[in-house]
Amino acid sequence: MFASLIFGFAQVLRIKFSAVGIDSNICSTIPYVITIAGLVMFAIKRIQKEKKRYQANK
């Protein structure tokens, strides 16, 4: 649910940036770039958590 809210927020940013005059090709990628960045951050946190768990069980 949280991811869909962030994607919606990114859509709003795309619309706002388009209204300012930024190239529409760049603006249309904003929601997808933010989504991919969020997935990467989630994966990094999960990997760090798994490493801590693995080291604690050693």
Protein backbone atom coordinates (compact mmCIF):
# COMPACT_ATOMS: atom_id res chain seq x y z
CA MET A 1 0.00 0.00 0.00
CA PHE A 2 2.81 2.38 0.90
CA ALA A 3 4.48 1.74 -2.47
CA SER A 4 1.33 2.73 -4.34
CA LEU A 5 1.18 6.00 -2.39
CA ILE A 6 4.77 6.79 -3.31
CA PHE A 7 4.08 5.94 -6.96
CA GLY A 8 1.06 8.27 -6.89
CA PHE A 9 3.17 11.02 -5.33
CA ALA A 10 5.73 10.52 -8.10
CA GLN A 11 2.94 10.84 -10.68
CA VAL A 12 2.00 14.19 -9.15
CA LEU A 13 5.64 15.29 -9.34
CA ARG A 14 5.66 14.32 -13.02
CA ILE A 15 2.63 16.50 -13.68
CA LYS A 16 4.06 19.43 -11.71
CA PHE A 17 7.43 19.24 -13.46
CA SER A 18 5.73 19.04 -16.86
CA ALA A 19 3.78 22.19 -16.06
CA VAL A 20 7.00 24.03 -15.20
CA GLY A 21 8.42 23.26 -18.62
CA ILE A 22 10.77 20.34 -18.03
CA ASP A 23 11.01 17.92 -20.97
CA SER A 24 8.10 15.48 -20.93
CA ASN A 25 10.35 12.50 -21.69
CA ILE A 26 12.30 13.12 -18.49
CA CYS A 27 9.15 13.79 -16.48
CA SER A 28 7.46 10.60 -17.58
CA THR A 29 10.29 8.49 -16.12
CA ILE A 30 10.11 10.04 -12.62
CA PRO A 31 7.57 7.57 -11.12
CA TYR A 32 9.48 4.57 -12.42
CA VAL A 33 12.87 5.84 -11.25
CA ILE A 34 11.48 6.51 -7.77
CA THR A 35 9.88 3.05 -7.68
CA ILE A 36 13.12 1.32 -8.69
CA ALA A 37 15.09 3.37 -6.14
CA GLY A 38 12.62 2.32 -3.44
CA LEU A 39 12.95 -1.35 -4.39
CA VAL A 40 16.74 -1.09 -4.28
CA MET A 41 16.65 0.53 -0.83
CA PHE A 42 14.27 -2.19 0.41
CA ALA A 43 16.55 -4.92 -0.92
CA ILE A 44 19.64 -3.36 0.67
CA LYS A 45 17.93 -3.14 4.06
CA ARG A 46 16.76 -6.72 3.80
CA ILE A 47 20.24 -7.97 2.89
CA GLN A 48 21.74 -6.08 5.83
CA LYS A 49 19.15 -7.58 8.17
CA GLU A 50 19.90 -11.09 6.89
CA LYS A 51 23.66 -10.54 7.35
CA LYS A 52 23.10 -9.44 10.95
CA ARG A 53 20.90 -12.46 11.59
CA TYR A 54 23.47 -14.79 10.03
CA GLN A 55 26.33 -13.28 12.08
CA ALA A 56 24.30 -13.53 15.29
CA ASN A 57 23.71 -17.27 14.69
CA LYS A 58 27.35 -18.03 13.99
